[in-house]
C-alpha cells in the first residue's frame, strides 16, 4: 500500500509549516514548475550514503555546524556539497 501523493505532502507541509526531508527529486519539479505560492522548505538528499544513518547524521551536522537557514529554500545535500535556492515572493525578491 502506498502513502499519500507528493502533491499531498506539499499541501500538508504548507498548511503545517513543515520542512520536507526527502530522497525524491520530484519535489523540486512540483515547486518550481508549478510556481506554488508559499512553497514549503525542502531538504533533498541527493546522496543516500553508504550507511542507513547517513541522512540523519548529515542533517544533524548541517543544523549544528553550518548556520544554514533552511527556511524558504530548496536545499540539495550531497556528500561533499550543499546547494540552496531561496524562494522568491511575488515581487521577485528572495523571502
PDB file of N, CA and C in Angstrom:
ATOM      1  N   UNK A   1       0.840  -1.172   0.000  1.00  0.00           N
ATOM      2  CA  UNK A   1       0.000   0.000   0.000  1.00  0.00           C
ATOM      3  C   UNK A   1       0.891   1.243   0.000  1.00  0.00           C
ATOM      4  N   UNK A   2       0.493   2.233  -0.769  1.00  0.00           N
ATOM      5  CA  UNK A   2       1.259   3.455  -0.891  1.00  0.00           C
ATOM      6  C   UNK A   2       0.730   4.515   0.064  1.00  0.00           C
ATOM      7  N   UNK A   3       1.589   5.487   0.366  1.00  0.00           N
ATOM      8  CA  UNK A   3       1.192   6.605   1.214  1.00  0.00           C
ATOM      9  C   UNK A   3       0.515   7.670   0.375  1.00  0.00           C
ATOM     10  N   UNK A   4       0.570   8.894   0.852  1.00  0.00           N
ATOM     11  CA  UNK A   4      -0.070   9.984   0.130  1.00  0.00           C
ATOM     12  C   UNK A   4       0.829  10.456  -1.014  1.00  0.00           C
ATOM     13  N   UNK A   5       0.246  11.161  -1.958  1.00  0.00           N
ATOM     14  CA  UNK A   5       0.988  11.629  -3.129  1.00  0.00           C
ATOM     15  C   UNK A   5       1.937  12.766  -2.741  1.00  0.00           C
ATOM     16  N   UNK A   6       2.896  13.026  -3.630  1.00  0.00           N
ATOM     17  CA  UNK A   6       3.831  14.133  -3.404  1.00  0.00           C
ATOM     18  C   UNK A   6       3.086  15.462  -3.277  1.00  0.00           C
ATOM     19  N   UNK A   7       2.076  15.664  -4.097  1.00  0.00           N
ATOM     20  CA  UNK A   7       1.294  16.907  -4.024  1.00  0.00           C
ATOM     21  C   UNK A   7       0.602  17.050  -2.671  1.00  0.00           C
ATOM     22  N   UNK A   8       0.133  15.935  -2.126  1.00  0.00           N
ATOM     23  CA  UNK A   8      -0.498  15.969  -0.807  1.00  0.00           C
ATOM     24  C   UNK A   8       0.532  16.265   0.281  1.00  0.00           C
ATOM     25  N   UNK A   9       1.739  15.734   0.140  1.00  0.00           N
ATOM     26  CA  UNK A   9       2.804  16.019   1.103  1.00  0.00           C
ATOM     27  C   UNK A   9       3.119  17.508   1.089  1.00  0.00           C
ATOM     28  N   UNK A  10       3.204  18.094  -0.110  1.00  0.00           N
ATOM     29  CA  UNK A  10       3.460  19.528  -0.232  1.00  0.00           C
ATOM     30  C   UNK A  10       2.351  20.331   0.447  1.00  0.00           C
ATOM     31  N   UNK A  11       1.111  19.944   0.218  1.00  0.00           N
ATOM     32  CA  UNK A  11      -0.024  20.655   0.825  1.00  0.00           C
ATOM     33  C   UNK A  11       0.022  20.588   2.347  1.00  0.00           C
ATOM     34  N   UNK A  12       0.315  19.415   2.890  1.00  0.00           N
ATOM     35  CA  UNK A  12       0.415  19.269   4.355  1.00  0.00           C
ATOM     36  C   UNK A  12       1.559  20.138   4.882  1.00  0.00           C
ATOM     37  N   UNK A  13       2.706  20.098   4.200  1.00  0.00           N
ATOM     38  CA  UNK A  13       3.859  20.891   4.642  1.00  0.00           C
ATOM     39  C   UNK A  13       3.541  22.389   4.597  1.00  0.00           C
ATOM     40  N   UNK A  14       2.808  22.825   3.579  1.00  0.00           N
ATOM     41  CA  UNK A  14       2.409  24.234   3.504  1.00  0.00           C
ATOM     42  C   UNK A  14       1.484  24.597   4.660  1.00  0.00           C
ATOM     43  N   UNK A  15       0.469  23.793   4.862  1.00  0.00           N
ATOM     44  CA  UNK A  15      -0.529  24.079   5.890  1.00  0.00           C
ATOM     45  C   UNK A  15       0.035  24.040   7.306  1.00  0.00           C
ATOM     46  N   UNK A  16       0.977  23.135   7.539  1.00  0.00           N
ATOM     47  CA  UNK A  16       1.526  22.954   8.885  1.00  0.00           C
ATOM     48  C   UNK A  16       2.902  23.592   9.055  1.00  0.00           C
ATOM     49  N   UNK A  17       3.353  24.308   8.038  1.00  0.00           N
ATOM     50  CA  UNK A  17       4.664  24.962   8.045  1.00  0.00           C
ATOM     51  C   UNK A  17       5.768  23.984   8.433  1.00  0.00           C
ATOM     52  N   UNK A  18       5.817  22.896   7.693  1.00  0.00           N
ATOM     53  CA  UNK A  18       6.808  21.842   7.915  1.00  0.00           C
ATOM     54  C   UNK A  18       7.886  21.885   6.844  1.00  0.00           C
ATOM     55  N   UNK A  19       9.024  21.298   7.147  1.00  0.00           N
ATOM     56  CA  UNK A  19      10.101  21.119   6.169  1.00  0.00           C
ATOM     57  C   UNK A  19       9.993  19.691   5.639  1.00  0.00           C
ATOM     58  N   UNK A  20      10.107  19.542   4.336  1.00  0.00           N
ATOM     59  CA  UNK A  20      10.081  18.220   3.712  1.00  0.00           C
ATOM     60  C   UNK A  20      11.519  17.712   3.628  1.00  0.00           C
ATOM     61  N   UNK A  21      11.775  16.548   4.197  1.00  0.00           N
ATOM     62  CA  UNK A  21      13.055  15.853   4.081  1.00  0.00           C
ATOM     63  C   UNK A  21      12.837  14.710   3.112  1.00  0.00           C
ATOM     64  N   UNK A  22      13.642  14.627   2.044  1.00  0.00           N
ATOM     65  CA  UNK A  22      13.341  13.641   1.022  1.00  0.00           C
ATOM     66  C   UNK A  22      14.567  13.176   0.249  1.00  0.00           C
ATOM     67  N   UNK A  23      14.442  12.006  -0.347  1.00  0.00           N
ATOM     68  CA  UNK A  23      15.400  11.487  -1.330  1.00  0.00           C
ATOM     69  C   UNK A  23      14.790  11.585  -2.728  1.00  0.00           C
ATOM     70  N   UNK A  24      13.618  12.168  -2.845  1.00  0.00           N
ATOM     71  CA  UNK A  24      12.832  12.224  -4.082  1.00  0.00           C
ATOM     72  C   UNK A  24      13.000  13.581  -4.759  1.00  0.00           C
ATOM     73  N   UNK A  25      13.573  13.593  -5.954  1.00  0.00           N
ATOM     74  CA  UNK A  25      13.817  14.854  -6.664  1.00  0.00           C
ATOM     75  C   UNK A  25      12.550  15.476  -7.233  1.00  0.00           C
ATOM     76  N   UNK A  26      11.437  14.782  -7.211  1.00  0.00           N
ATOM     77  CA  UNK A  26      10.187  15.303  -7.767  1.00  0.00           C
ATOM     78  C   UNK A  26       9.705  16.572  -7.079  1.00  0.00           C
ATOM     79  N   UNK A  27      10.094  16.791  -5.838  1.00  0.00           N
ATOM     80  CA  UNK A  27       9.612  17.972  -5.123  1.00  0.00           C
ATOM     81  C   UNK A  27      10.112  19.264  -5.763  1.00  0.00           C
ATOM     82  N   UNK A  28      11.309  19.256  -6.299  1.00  0.00           N
ATOM     83  CA  UNK A  28      11.812  20.430  -6.994  1.00  0.00           C
ATOM     84  C   UNK A  28      10.948  20.765  -8.192  1.00  0.00           C
ATOM     85  N   UNK A  29      10.583  19.754  -8.945  1.00  0.00           N
ATOM     86  CA  UNK A  29       9.722  19.972 -10.107  1.00  0.00           C
ATOM     87  C   UNK A  29       8.354  20.496  -9.683  1.00  0.00           C
ATOM     88  N   UNK A  30       7.783  19.913  -8.655  1.00  0.00           N
ATOM     89  CA  UNK A  30       6.461  20.346  -8.181  1.00  0.00           C
ATOM     90  C   UNK A  30       6.503  21.818  -7.772  1.00  0.00           C
ATOM     91  N   UNK A  31       7.515  22.198  -7.043  1.00  0.00           N
ATOM     92  CA  UNK A  31       7.585  23.562  -6.526  1.00  0.00           C
ATOM     93  C   UNK A  31       7.938  24.574  -7.610  1.00  0.00           C
ATOM     94  N   UNK A  32       8.938  24.277  -8.435  1.00  0.00           N
ATOM     95  CA  UNK A  32       9.394  25.268  -9.413  1.00  0.00           C
ATOM     96  C   UNK A  32       8.587  25.260 -10.706  1.00  0.00           C
ATOM     97  N   UNK A  33       8.197  24.115 -11.177  1.00  0.00           N
ATOM     98  CA  UNK A  33       7.438  24.063 -12.433  1.00  0.00           C
ATOM     99  C   UNK A  33       6.045  24.653 -12.263  1.00  0.00           C
ATOM    100  N   UNK A  34       5.422  24.366 -11.135  1.00  0.00           N
ATOM    101  CA  UNK A  34       4.046  24.803 -10.929  1.00  0.00           C
ATOM    102  C   UNK A  34       3.950  26.124 -10.174  1.00  0.00           C
ATOM    103  N   UNK A  35       5.085  26.716  -9.816  1.00  0.00           N
ATOM    104  CA  UNK A  35       5.111  28.038  -9.192  1.00  0.00           C
ATOM    105  C   UNK A  35       4.212  28.175  -7.983  1.00  0.00           C
ATOM    106  N   UNK A  36       4.335  27.260  -7.057  1.00  0.00           N
ATOM    107  CA  UNK A  36       3.486  27.278  -5.870  1.00  0.00           C
ATOM    108  C   UNK A  36       3.664  28.550  -5.056  1.00  0.00           C
ATOM    109  N   UNK A  37       2.569  29.078  -4.564  1.00  0.00           N
ATOM    110  CA  UNK A  37       2.633  30.181  -3.607  1.00  0.00           C
ATOM    111  C   UNK A  37       3.010  29.614  -2.251  1.00  0.00           C
ATOM    112  N   UNK A  38       3.878  30.308  -1.546  1.00  0.00           N
ATOM    113  CA  UNK A  38       4.283  29.902  -0.209  1.00  0.00           C
ATOM    114  C   UNK A  38       4.727  28.429  -0.165  1.00  0.00           C
ATOM    115  N   UNK A  39       5.728  28.052  -0.991  1.00  0.00           N
ATOM    116  CA  UNK A  39       6.144  26.646  -1.008  1.00  0.00           C
ATOM    117  C   UNK A  39       6.817  26.255   0.308  1.00  0.00           C
ATOM    118  N   UNK A  40       6.695  25.007   0.677  1.00  0.00           N
ATOM    119  CA  UNK A  40       7.366  24.547   1.893  1.00  0.00           C
ATOM    120  C   UNK A  40       8.867  24.439   1.651  1.00  0.00           C
ATOM    121  N   UNK A  41       9.624  24.540   2.711  1.00  0.00           N
ATOM    122  CA  UNK A  41      11.060  24.309   2.603  1.00  0.00           C
ATOM    123  C   UNK A  41      11.287  22.824   2.341  1.00  0.00           C
ATOM    124  N   UNK A  42      12.299  22.533   1.523  1.00  0.00           N
ATOM    125  CA  UNK A  42      12.618  21.148   1.174  1.00  0.00           C
ATOM    126  C   UNK A  42      14.108  20.934   1.364  1.00  0.00           C
ATOM    127  N   UNK A  43      14.458  19.825   1.990  1.00  0.00           N
ATOM    128  CA  UNK A  43      15.842  19.380   2.058  1.00  0.00           C
ATOM    129  C   UNK A  43      15.887  18.056   1.293  1.00  0.00           C
ATOM    130  N   UNK A  44      16.542  18.110   0.141  1.00  0.00           N
ATOM    131  CA  UNK A  44      16.630  16.954  -0.753  1.00  0.00           C
ATOM    132  C   UNK A  44      18.018  16.332  -0.615  1.00  0.00           C
ATOM    133  N   UNK A  45      18.048  15.100  -0.144  1.00  0.00           N
ATOM    134  CA  UNK A  45      19.298  14.358  -0.006  1.00  0.00           C
ATOM    135  C   UNK A  45      19.560  13.641  -1.325  1.00  0.00           C
ATOM    136  N   UNK A  46      20.465  14.203  -2.121  1.00  0.00           N
ATOM    137  CA  UNK A  46      20.776  13.618  -3.427  1.00  0.00           C
ATOM    138  C   UNK A  46      21.531  12.299  -3.262  1.00  0.00           C
ATOM    139  N   UNK A  47      22.388  12.234  -2.264  1.00  0.00           N
ATOM    140  CA  UNK A  47      23.147  11.011  -1.974  1.00  0.00           C
ATOM    141  C   UNK A  47      22.523  10.294  -0.790  1.00  0.00           C
ATOM    142  N   UNK A  48      22.509   8.991  -0.869  1.00  0.00           N
ATOM    143  CA  UNK A  48      21.969   8.206   0.243  1.00  0.00           C
ATOM    144  C   UNK A  48      23.074   7.709   1.163  1.00  0.00           C
ATOM    145  N   UNK A  49      24.318   7.883   0.769  1.00  0.00           N
ATOM    146  CA  UNK A  49      25.427   7.451   1.601  1.00  0.00           C
ATOM    147  C   UNK A  49      25.578   5.941   1.597  1.00  0.00           C
ATOM    148  N   UNK A  50      26.555   5.481   2.330  1.00  0.00           N
ATOM    149  CA  UNK A  50      26.857   4.059   2.385  1.00  0.00           C
ATOM    150  C   UNK A  50      26.283   3.376   3.622  1.00  0.00           C
ATOM    151  N   UNK A  51      25.658   4.161   4.487  1.00  0.00           N
ATOM    152  CA  UNK A  51      25.100   3.594   5.710  1.00  0.00           C
ATOM    153  C   UNK A  51      23.699   4.151   5.943  1.00  0.00           C
ATOM    154  N   UNK A  52      22.865   3.427   6.649  1.00  0.00           N
ATOM    155  CA  UNK A  52      21.483   3.868   6.863  1.00  0.00           C
ATOM    156  C   UNK A  52      21.343   5.212   7.579  1.00  0.00           C
ATOM    157  N   UNK A  53      22.286   5.573   8.405  1.00  0.00           N
ATOM    158  CA  UNK A  53      22.183   6.799   9.191  1.00  0.00           C
ATOM    159  C   UNK A  53      22.771   8.028   8.494  1.00  0.00           C
ATOM    160  N   UNK A  54      23.188   7.873   7.234  1.00  0.00           N
ATOM    161  CA  UNK A  54      23.842   8.968   6.511  1.00  0.00           C
ATOM    162  C   UNK A  54      23.030  10.260   6.549  1.00  0.00           C
ATOM    163  N   UNK A  55      21.776  10.195   6.138  1.00  0.00           N
ATOM    164  CA  UNK A  55      20.949  11.407   6.048  1.00  0.00           C
ATOM    165  C   UNK A  55      20.769  12.060   7.416  1.00  0.00           C
ATOM    166  N   UNK A  56      20.519  11.272   8.432  1.00  0.00           N
ATOM    167  CA  UNK A  56      20.341  11.818   9.769  1.00  0.00           C
ATOM    168  C   UNK A  56      21.596  12.496  10.290  1.00  0.00           C
ATOM    169  N   UNK A  57      22.726  11.874  10.065  1.00  0.00           N
ATOM    170  CA  UNK A  57      23.989  12.478  10.513  1.00  0.00           C
ATOM    171  C   UNK A  57      24.309  13.740   9.724  1.00  0.00           C
ATOM    172  N   UNK A  58      24.047  13.710   8.426  1.00  0.00           N
ATOM    173  CA  UNK A  58      24.295  14.877   7.593  1.00  0.00           C
ATOM    174  C   UNK A  58      23.406  16.041   8.035  1.00  0.00           C
ATOM    175  N   UNK A  59      22.131  15.771   8.274  1.00  0.00           N
ATOM    176  CA  UNK A  59      21.206  16.808   8.724  1.00  0.00           C
ATOM    177  C   UNK A  59      21.632  17.372  10.078  1.00  0.00           C
ATOM    178  N   UNK A  60      22.003  16.503  10.992  1.00  0.00           N
ATOM    179  CA  UNK A  60      22.453  16.947  12.307  1.00  0.00           C
ATOM    180  C   UNK A  60      23.692  17.836  12.177  1.00  0.00           C
ATOM    181  N   UNK A  61      24.632  17.442  11.339  1.00  0.00           N
ATOM    182  CA  UNK A  61      25.833  18.249  11.114  1.00  0.00           C
ATOM    183  C   UNK A  61      25.465  19.622  10.548  1.00  0.00           C
ATOM    184  N   UNK A  62      24.587  19.646   9.562  1.00  0.00           N
ATOM    185  CA  UNK A  62      24.186  20.912   8.946  1.00  0.00           C
ATOM    186  C   UNK A  62      23.527  21.848   9.950  1.00  0.00           C
ATOM    187  N   UNK A  63      22.668  21.309  10.765  1.00  0.00           N
ATOM    188  CA  UNK A  63      21.931  22.135  11.731  1.00  0.00           C
ATOM    189  C   UNK A  63      22.833  22.633  12.855  1.00  0.00           C
ATOM    190  N   UNK A  64      23.797  21.834  13.260  1.00  0.00           N
ATOM    191  CA  UNK A  64      24.643  22.195  14.400  1.00  0.00           C
ATOM    192  C   UNK A  64      25.889  22.988  14.038  1.00  0.00           C
ATOM    193  N   UNK A  65      26.356  22.868  12.786  1.00  0.00           N
ATOM    194  CA  UNK A  65      27.685  23.406  12.478  1.00  0.00           C
ATOM    195  C   UNK A  65      27.768  24.404  11.336  1.00  0.00           C
ATOM    196  N   UNK A  66      26.731  24.616  10.591  1.00  0.00           N
ATOM    197  CA  UNK A  66      26.893  25.437   9.400  1.00  0.00           C
ATOM    198  C   UNK A  66      26.211  26.787   9.457  1.00  0.00           C
ATOM    199  N   UNK A  67      25.214  26.960  10.281  1.00  0.00           N
ATOM    200  CA  UNK A  67      24.490  28.220  10.319  1.00  0.00           C
ATOM    201  C   UNK A  67      23.584  28.424   9.116  1.00  0.00           C
ATOM    202  N   UNK A  68      23.373  27.389   8.332  1.00  0.00           N
ATOM    203  CA  UNK A  68      22.497  27.481   7.171  1.00  0.00           C
ATOM    204  C   UNK A  68      21.047  27.540   7.634  1.00  0.00           C
ATOM    205  N   UNK A  69      20.295  28.435   7.038  1.00  0.00           N
ATOM    206  CA  UNK A  69      18.861  28.501   7.307  1.00  0.00           C
ATOM    207  C   UNK A  69      18.135  27.741   6.203  1.00  0.00           C
ATOM    208  N   UNK A  70      17.275  26.848   6.584  1.00  0.00           N
ATOM    209  CA  UNK A  70      16.530  26.054   5.616  1.00  0.00           C
ATOM    210  C   UNK A  70      15.178  26.672   5.286  1.00  0.00           C
ATOM    211  N   UNK A  71      14.819  27.702   6.018  1.00  0.00           N
ATOM    212  CA  UNK A  71      13.510  28.325   5.833  1.00  0.00           C
ATOM    213  C   UNK A  71      13.433  29.004   4.470  1.00  0.00           C
ATOM    214  N   UNK A  72      12.304  28.799   3.769  1.00  0.00           N
ATOM    215  CA  UNK A  72      12.041  29.416   2.464  1.00  0.00           C
ATOM    216  C   UNK A  72      13.094  29.076   1.420  1.00  0.00           C
ATOM    217  N   UNK A  73      13.548  27.815   1.425  1.00  0.00           N
ATOM    218  CA  UNK A  73      14.586  27.420   0.482  1.00  0.00           C
ATOM    219  C   UNK A  73      14.432  25.960   0.076  1.00  0.00           C
ATOM    220  N   UNK A  74      14.946  25.673  -1.106  1.00  0.00           N
ATOM    221  CA  UNK A  74      15.097  24.302  -1.568  1.00  0.00           C
ATOM    222  C   UNK A  74      16.581  23.996  -1.427  1.00  0.00           C
ATOM    223  N   UNK A  75      16.917  23.031  -0.582  1.00  0.00           N
ATOM    224  CA  UNK A  75      18.301  22.709  -0.278  1.00  0.00           C
ATOM    225  C   UNK A  75      18.628  21.326  -0.820  1.00  0.00           C
ATOM    226  N   UNK A  76      19.730  21.247  -1.564  1.00  0.00           N
ATOM    227  CA  UNK A  76      20.201  19.967  -2.098  1.00  0.00           C
ATOM    228  C   UNK A  76      21.455  19.591  -1.325  1.00  0.00           C
ATOM    229  N   UNK A  77      21.424  18.422  -0.697  1.00  0.00           N
ATOM    230  CA  UNK A  77      22.538  17.951   0.117  1.00  0.00           C
ATOM    231  C   UNK A  77      23.190  16.773  -0.592  1.00  0.00           C
ATOM    232  N   UNK A  78      24.485  16.934  -0.867  1.00  0.00           N
ATOM    233  CA  UNK A  78      25.288  15.854  -1.427  1.00  0.00           C
ATOM    234  C   UNK A  78      26.381  15.538  -0.416  1.00  0.00           C
ATOM    235  N   UNK A  79      27.095  14.466  -0.615  1.00  0.00           N
ATOM    236  CA  UNK A  79      28.109  14.057   0.355  1.00  0.00           C
ATOM    237  C   UNK A  79      29.136  15.164   0.611  1.00  0.00           C
ATOM    238  N   UNK A  80      29.531  15.899  -0.433  1.00  0.00           N
ATOM    239  CA  UNK A  80      30.565  16.920  -0.267  1.00  0.00           C
ATOM    240  C   UNK A  80      30.133  18.305  -0.728  1.00  0.00           C
ATOM    241  N   UNK A  81      28.843  18.534  -0.837  1.00  0.00           N
ATOM    242  CA  UNK A  81      28.365  19.813  -1.350  1.00  0.00           C
ATOM    243  C   UNK A  81      26.946  20.089  -0.864  1.00  0.00           C
ATOM    244  N   UNK A  82      26.658  21.363  -0.664  1.00  0.00           N
ATOM    245  CA  UNK A  82      25.309  21.790  -0.304  1.00  0.00           C
ATOM    246  C   UNK A  82      24.963  22.968  -1.207  1.00  0.00           C
ATOM    247  N   UNK A  83      23.806  22.895  -1.843  1.00  0.00           N
ATOM    248  CA  UNK A  83      23.338  23.997  -2.676  1.00  0.00           C
ATOM    249  C   UNK A  83      21.973  24.416  -2.182  1.00  0.00           C
ATOM    250  N   UNK A  84      21.707  25.709  -2.255  1.00  0.00           N
ATOM    251  CA  UNK A  84      20.412  26.218  -1.826  1.00  0.00           C
ATOM    252  C   UNK A  84      19.880  27.195  -2.846  1.00  0.00           C
ATOM    253  N   UNK A  85      18.591  27.135  -3.034  1.00  0.00           N
ATOM    254  CA  UNK A  85      17.905  28.107  -3.871  1.00  0.00           C
ATOM    255  C   UNK A  85      16.785  28.688  -3.026  1.00  0.00           C
ATOM    256  N   UNK A  86      16.896  29.976  -2.755  1.00  0.00           N
ATOM    257  CA  UNK A  86      15.879  30.653  -1.960  1.00  0.00           C
ATOM    258  C   UNK A  86      14.629  30.868  -2.801  1.00  0.00           C
ATOM    259  N   UNK A  87      13.476  30.787  -2.185  1.00  0.00           N
ATOM    260  CA  UNK A  87      12.218  31.049  -2.871  1.00  0.00           C
ATOM    261  C   UNK A  87      12.026  32.553  -3.002  1.00  0.00           C
ATOM    262  N   UNK A  88      11.379  32.946  -4.060  1.00  0.00           N
ATOM    263  CA  UNK A  88      11.094  34.359  -4.283  1.00  0.00           C
ATOM    264  C   UNK A  88       9.621  34.637  -4.024  1.00  0.00           C
ATOM    265  N   UNK A  89       9.366  35.810  -3.505  1.00  0.00           N
ATOM    266  CA  UNK A  89       7.983  36.200  -3.270  1.00  0.00           C
ATOM    267  C   UNK A  89       7.399  36.793  -4.551  1.00  0.00           C
ATOM    268  N   UNK A  90       6.189  37.265  -4.521  1.00  0.00           N
ATOM    269  CA  UNK A  90       5.511  37.767  -5.724  1.00  0.00           C
ATOM    270  C   UNK A  90       6.194  38.998  -6.308  1.00  0.00           C
ATOM    271  N   UNK A  91       7.045  39.680  -5.532  1.00  0.00           N
ATOM    272  CA  UNK A  91       7.777  40.837  -6.032  1.00  0.00           C
ATOM    273  C   UNK A  91       9.099  40.455  -6.684  1.00  0.00           C
ATOM    274  N   UNK A  92       9.432  39.146  -6.670  1.00  0.00           N
ATOM    275  CA  UNK A  92      10.663  38.688  -7.269  1.00  0.00           C
ATOM    276  C   UNK A  92      11.856  38.682  -6.342  1.00  0.00           C
ATOM    277  N   UNK A  93      11.649  38.990  -5.069  1.00  0.00           N
ATOM    278  CA  UNK A  93      12.732  39.014  -4.107  1.00  0.00           C
ATOM    279  C   UNK A  93      12.746  37.727  -3.288  1.00  0.00           C
ATOM    280  N   UNK A  94      13.939  37.289  -2.897  1.00  0.00           N
ATOM    281  CA  UNK A  94      14.047  36.106  -2.037  1.00  0.00           C
ATOM    282  C   UNK A  94      13.350  36.390  -0.720  1.00  0.00           C
ATOM    283  N   UNK A  95      12.653  35.375  -0.229  1.00  0.00           N
ATOM    284  CA  UNK A  95      11.947  35.548   1.036  1.00  0.00           C
ATOM    285  C   UNK A  95      12.778  35.057   2.183  1.00  0.00           C
TER     286      UNK A  95
END
